[in-house]
Amino acid sequence: MTVTESTVPALSAVCAAGAVWLAMTPRPVRARRLAVRRVILPVVAIAVALSTFASPRALALVAIVAVAVGSAFVLRRRSKSRTAAAEVTDRVREVCGLLGAELGAGRPPGVALELAARAWPPLAPVEETFTLGGSVPDALRRLSALAGAGDLRILAAAWEIAHHTGQGLGVAVAAVAEELRVEASTRRLVAAELASARATARLVACLPVVALVMGGGAGGDPWGFLFGTGAGLVCLAAGLALLLAGLWWIEAIAAGVKRG
């Protein structure tokens, strides 16, 4: 069997799954091109090869599985990104506390930045900027673009205000560190509540599989219906779409809560 009009929707679904995966995963242009070569092109090649001997039903099943696997990969990658960003946020808070303590003890700003850069290497460009006579607030704002390092903008503002007003830099940085410490406790509480909501969503997502296993054990053939018939594939695609929509919805709500 060759690629015909009946196989075009299935091939389009496979390509769309890869496109969604690329669109939903933040990455540099070079990494995107590498992903296209290593993921999208092989998937399309496999789909075209299957179309030479597989039925439209088989191709539809391949497309559904591809969408499921791609979505699971994106959700997993986002979970890892959240964890990494949370670690960076904790490190920023620790660095602000270290800077406040060192400046409060009478250390010069350059020495305090050097010690902070040793504790957290990503801060090294800021310390280098200070050594070269550049703008530390601007360097901190550039570094705040790092995922999870947004609190550095507060430190940059405090540093800039202390520089322009002549007030004690140590007092300003210590105040920022205290504010971040209080905010961290709130974030931990919110993260705990969101973790329970995400766990509940994952549990609910697993219930259809449990129901299928129970149906098979009771003498029925739900797997054969889902994977072996056209109506079953339609039900499988609709159920998967609703399941993924629910998971994405939970993630959107969680993201909105964190932004708030």
Protein backbone atom coordinates (compact mmCIF):
# COMPACT_ATOMS: atom_id res chain seq x y z
CA MET A 1 0.00 0.00 0.00
CA THR A 2 1.36 3.43 -0.89
CA VAL A 3 0.76 6.84 0.60
CA THR A 4 -2.82 7.71 -0.31
CA GLU A 5 -5.43 10.18 0.84
CA SER A 6 -6.45 7.75 3.59
CA THR A 7 -2.94 7.77 5.06
CA VAL A 8 -2.37 11.51 4.88
CA PRO A 9 -4.27 12.29 8.13
CA ALA A 10 -2.23 9.73 10.05
CA LEU A 11 1.05 11.05 8.71
CA SER A 12 -0.07 14.60 9.46
CA ALA A 13 -0.87 13.58 13.03
CA VAL A 14 2.60 12.14 13.49
CA CYS A 15 4.22 15.29 12.12
CA ALA A 16 1.93 17.46 14.27
CA ALA A 17 2.97 15.54 17.38
CA GLY A 18 6.60 16.29 16.65
CA ALA A 19 5.83 19.92 15.89
CA VAL A 20 3.94 20.30 19.18
CA TRP A 21 6.85 18.74 21.03
CA LEU A 22 9.27 21.21 19.48
CA ALA A 23 6.97 24.18 20.05
CA MET A 24 6.27 23.40 23.71
CA THR A 25 9.91 22.75 24.61
CA PRO A 26 12.01 25.95 24.99
CA ARG A 27 15.42 25.49 23.39
CA PRO A 28 18.01 27.42 21.36
CA VAL A 29 17.78 27.49 17.57
CA ARG A 30 20.71 25.11 17.20
CA ALA A 31 19.09 22.62 19.56
CA ARG A 32 15.82 22.89 17.63
CA ARG A 33 17.59 22.04 14.37
CA LEU A 34 19.28 19.10 16.07
CA ALA A 35 15.91 17.92 17.36
CA VAL A 36 14.45 18.13 13.86
CA ARG A 37 17.26 15.96 12.48
CA ARG A 38 17.23 13.42 15.30
CA VAL A 39 13.50 13.21 16.09
CA ILE A 40 11.12 14.68 13.53
CA LEU A 41 12.82 13.45 10.36
CA PRO A 42 13.26 9.86 11.62
CA VAL A 43 9.62 9.76 12.76
CA VAL A 44 8.40 10.99 9.38
CA ALA A 45 10.67 8.48 7.61
CA ILE A 46 9.30 5.63 9.71
CA ALA A 47 5.73 6.75 9.05
CA VAL A 48 6.32 6.87 5.30
CA ALA A 49 7.98 3.44 5.40
CA LEU A 50 5.05 1.99 7.33
CA SER A 51 2.63 3.42 4.79
CA THR A 52 4.04 1.08 2.12
CA PHE A 53 2.61 -1.99 3.82
CA ALA A 54 0.53 -0.91 6.82
CA SER A 55 -3.17 -0.21 6.83
CA PRO A 56 -4.64 3.22 7.63
CA ARG A 57 -5.82 1.79 10.95
CA ALA A 58 -2.27 0.80 11.88
CA LEU A 59 -0.97 4.22 10.90
CA ALA A 60 -3.66 5.89 13.00
CA LEU A 61 -2.57 3.77 15.96
CA VAL A 62 1.07 4.78 15.39
CA ALA A 63 0.02 8.44 15.30
CA ILE A 64 -1.93 8.12 18.57
CA VAL A 65 1.00 6.43 20.29
CA ALA A 66 3.37 9.08 18.95
CA VAL A 67 1.20 11.86 20.35
CA ALA A 68 0.98 10.10 23.72
CA VAL A 69 4.73 9.52 23.95
CA GLY A 70 5.57 13.04 22.78
CA SER A 71 3.18 14.62 25.29
CA ALA A 72 4.54 12.48 28.12
CA PHE A 73 8.07 13.53 27.16
CA VAL A 74 7.14 17.22 27.18
CA LEU A 75 5.41 16.93 30.57
CA ARG A 76 8.43 15.11 31.98
CA ARG A 77 10.80 17.73 30.59
CA ARG A 78 8.73 20.53 32.10
CA SER A 79 8.80 18.77 35.46
CA LYS A 80 12.58 18.61 35.31
CA SER A 81 12.73 22.27 34.29
CA ARG A 82 10.58 23.24 37.29
CA THR A 83 12.86 21.30 39.61
CA ALA A 84 15.98 22.93 38.15
CA ALA A 85 14.41 26.40 38.38
CA ALA A 86 13.44 25.80 42.02
CA GLU A 87 17.04 24.84 42.81
CA VAL A 88 18.30 28.03 41.17
CA THR A 89 15.79 30.07 43.19
CA ASP A 90 17.08 28.52 46.41
CA ARG A 91 20.67 29.25 45.39
CA VAL A 92 19.80 32.88 44.64
CA ARG A 93 18.24 33.23 48.08
CA GLU A 94 21.33 31.71 49.71
CA VAL A 95 23.64 33.99 47.73
CA CYS A 96 21.65 37.08 48.76
CA GLY A 97 21.92 36.00 52.38
CA LEU A 98 25.67 35.48 51.98
CA LEU A 99 26.11 38.89 50.34
CA GLY A 100 24.08 40.57 53.09
CA ALA A 101 26.12 38.87 55.81
CA GLU A 102 29.48 39.70 54.21
CA LEU A 103 28.58 43.32 53.48
CA GLY A 104 27.11 43.68 56.97
CA ALA A 105 30.39 42.41 58.41
CA GLY A 106 32.23 45.23 56.65
CA ARG A 107 33.55 43.37 53.62
CA PRO A 108 34.06 45.48 50.46
CA PRO A 109 31.51 44.80 47.70
CA GLY A 110 34.15 43.26 45.45
CA VAL A 111 35.22 40.76 48.11
CA ALA A 112 31.61 39.94 48.95
CA LEU A 113 30.83 39.32 45.29
CA GLU A 114 33.92 37.15 44.93
CA LEU A 115 32.86 34.98 47.87
CA ALA A 116 29.32 34.78 46.50
CA ALA A 117 30.64 33.77 43.08
CA ARG A 118 32.62 30.98 44.68
CA ALA A 119 29.47 29.74 46.40
CA TRP A 120 27.41 30.05 43.20
CA PRO A 121 29.55 30.03 40.00
CA PRO A 122 26.87 31.59 37.71
CA LEU A 123 27.45 34.83 39.65
CA ALA A 124 31.03 35.03 38.35
CA PRO A 125 30.14 37.40 35.43
CA VAL A 126 28.66 39.84 37.95
CA GLU A 127 31.84 39.78 40.01
CA GLU A 128 33.88 40.27 36.85
CA THR A 129 31.68 43.21 35.86
CA PHE A 130 32.34 44.87 39.22
CA THR A 131 36.09 44.29 38.83
CA LEU A 132 36.07 45.93 35.39
CA GLY A 133 34.06 48.90 36.68
CA GLY A 134 30.83 47.99 34.95
CA SER A 135 27.26 48.22 36.19
CA VAL A 136 26.52 45.51 38.74
CA PRO A 137 22.72 46.06 38.61
CA ASP A 138 22.74 45.58 34.83
CA ALA A 139 24.81 42.41 35.21
CA LEU A 140 22.39 41.10 37.83
CA ARG A 141 19.43 41.83 35.56
CA ARG A 142 21.08 39.93 32.72
CA LEU A 143 21.68 36.98 35.03
CA SER A 144 18.05 37.13 36.20
CA ALA A 145 17.04 35.81 32.77
CA LEU A 146 18.28 32.41 33.97
CA ALA A 147 15.33 30.15 34.81
CA GLY A 148 14.57 30.54 38.51
CA ALA A 149 16.87 33.53 39.00
CA GLY A 150 14.20 36.23 38.67
CA ASP A 151 14.74 37.37 42.27
CA LEU A 152 18.06 38.84 41.20
CA ARG A 153 16.09 41.76 39.79
CA ILE A 154 15.19 42.71 43.36
CA LEU A 155 18.84 42.54 44.35
CA ALA A 156 19.73 44.66 41.32
CA ALA A 157 17.19 47.31 42.32
CA ALA A 158 18.47 47.38 45.90
CA TRP A 159 22.06 47.65 44.70
CA GLU A 160 21.17 50.49 42.35
CA ILE A 161 19.20 52.42 44.96
CA ALA A 162 22.00 52.07 47.51
CA HIS A 163 24.50 53.28 44.92
CA HIS A 164 22.46 56.37 43.97
CA THR A 165 21.30 57.36 47.46
CA GLY A 166 24.49 56.57 49.35
CA GLN A 167 22.68 54.39 51.87
CA GLY A 168 24.35 51.31 53.27
CA LEU A 169 24.61 48.57 50.65
CA GLY A 170 24.82 45.90 53.34
CA VAL A 171 21.54 47.03 54.91
CA ALA A 172 19.78 47.03 51.52
CA VAL A 173 21.06 43.58 50.54
CA ALA A 174 20.21 42.18 53.98
CA ALA A 175 16.66 43.50 53.59
CA VAL A 176 16.40 41.78 50.21
CA ALA A 177 17.69 38.53 51.72
CA GLU A 178 15.09 38.71 54.50
CA GLU A 179 12.32 39.40 51.99
CA LEU A 180 13.37 36.43 49.88
CA ARG A 181 13.49 34.22 52.96
CA VAL A 182 9.90 35.09 53.84
CA GLU A 183 8.83 34.63 50.23
CA ALA A 184 10.56 31.23 50.10
CA SER A 185 8.37 29.94 52.93
CA THR A 186 5.28 30.98 50.97
CA ARG A 187 6.62 29.33 47.84
CA ARG A 188 7.24 26.07 49.69
CA LEU A 189 3.64 26.09 50.95
CA VAL A 190 2.28 26.76 47.45
CA ALA A 191 4.56 24.09 45.94
CA ALA A 192 3.30 21.53 48.47
CA GLU A 193 -0.31 22.28 47.60
CA LEU A 194 0.40 22.13 43.87
CA ALA A 195 2.29 18.85 44.29
CA SER A 196 -0.80 17.21 45.77
CA ALA A 197 -2.94 18.53 42.89
CA ARG A 198 -0.47 17.23 40.31
CA ALA A 199 -0.29 13.85 42.04
CA THR A 200 -4.09 13.60 41.99
CA ALA A 201 -4.14 14.46 38.27
CA ARG A 202 -1.56 11.75 37.50
CA LEU A 203 -3.53 9.23 39.54
CA VAL A 204 -6.72 10.06 37.66
CA ALA A 205 -4.80 9.74 34.37
CA CYS A 206 -3.84 6.17 35.31
CA LEU A 207 -7.41 5.10 36.12
CA PRO A 208 -8.40 4.34 32.48
CA VAL A 209 -5.53 1.84 32.25
CA VAL A 210 -6.69 0.20 35.49
CA ALA A 211 -10.22 0.01 34.11
CA LEU A 212 -8.95 -1.66 30.92
CA VAL A 213 -6.97 -4.22 32.92
CA MET A 214 -10.01 -4.98 35.08
CA GLY A 215 -12.18 -5.27 31.97
CA GLY A 216 -9.75 -7.75 30.43
CA GLY A 217 -9.68 -9.78 33.64
CA ALA A 218 -13.48 -9.91 33.72
CA GLY A 219 -13.60 -11.74 30.41
CA GLY A 220 -14.02 -8.78 28.08
CA ASP A 221 -11.70 -7.63 25.33
CA PRO A 222 -11.34 -3.84 25.74
CA TRP A 223 -7.80 -3.88 24.34
CA GLY A 224 -8.94 -5.60 21.18
CA PHE A 225 -11.75 -3.10 20.75
CA LEU A 226 -9.50 -0.08 21.28
CA PHE A 227 -6.60 -1.20 19.12
CA GLY A 228 -8.34 -3.44 16.62
CA THR A 229 -11.38 -1.52 15.45
CA GLY A 230 -11.97 1.85 13.86
CA ALA A 231 -14.49 2.86 16.52
CA GLY A 232 -12.04 1.80 19.20
CA LEU A 233 -9.30 3.98 17.72
CA VAL A 234 -11.68 6.93 17.69
CA CYS A 235 -12.50 6.31 21.35
CA LEU A 236 -8.80 5.91 22.14
CA ALA A 237 -7.92 9.17 20.41
CA ALA A 238 -10.76 11.05 22.10
CA GLY A 239 -9.90 9.66 25.53
CA LEU A 240 -6.23 10.48 25.08
CA ALA A 241 -7.10 14.02 23.96
CA LEU A 242 -9.28 14.58 27.03
CA LEU A 243 -6.63 13.11 29.33
CA LEU A 244 -3.88 15.32 27.91
CA ALA A 245 -6.18 18.35 28.02
CA GLY A 246 -6.76 17.70 31.72
CA LEU A 247 -3.05 17.38 32.46
CA TRP A 248 -2.23 20.54 30.49
CA TRP A 249 -5.05 22.33 32.30
CA ILE A 250 -3.63 21.39 35.69
CA GLU A 251 -0.21 22.61 34.59
CA ALA A 252 -1.69 25.89 33.33
CA ILE A 253 -3.49 26.44 36.63
CA ALA A 254 -0.30 25.69 38.56
CA ALA A 255 1.69 28.09 36.39
CA GLY A 256 -0.90 30.80 36.97
CA VAL A 257 -0.76 30.28 40.72
CA LYS A 258 3.01 30.56 40.72
CA ARG A 259 2.91 33.73 38.67
CA GLY A 260 0.36 35.18 41.08
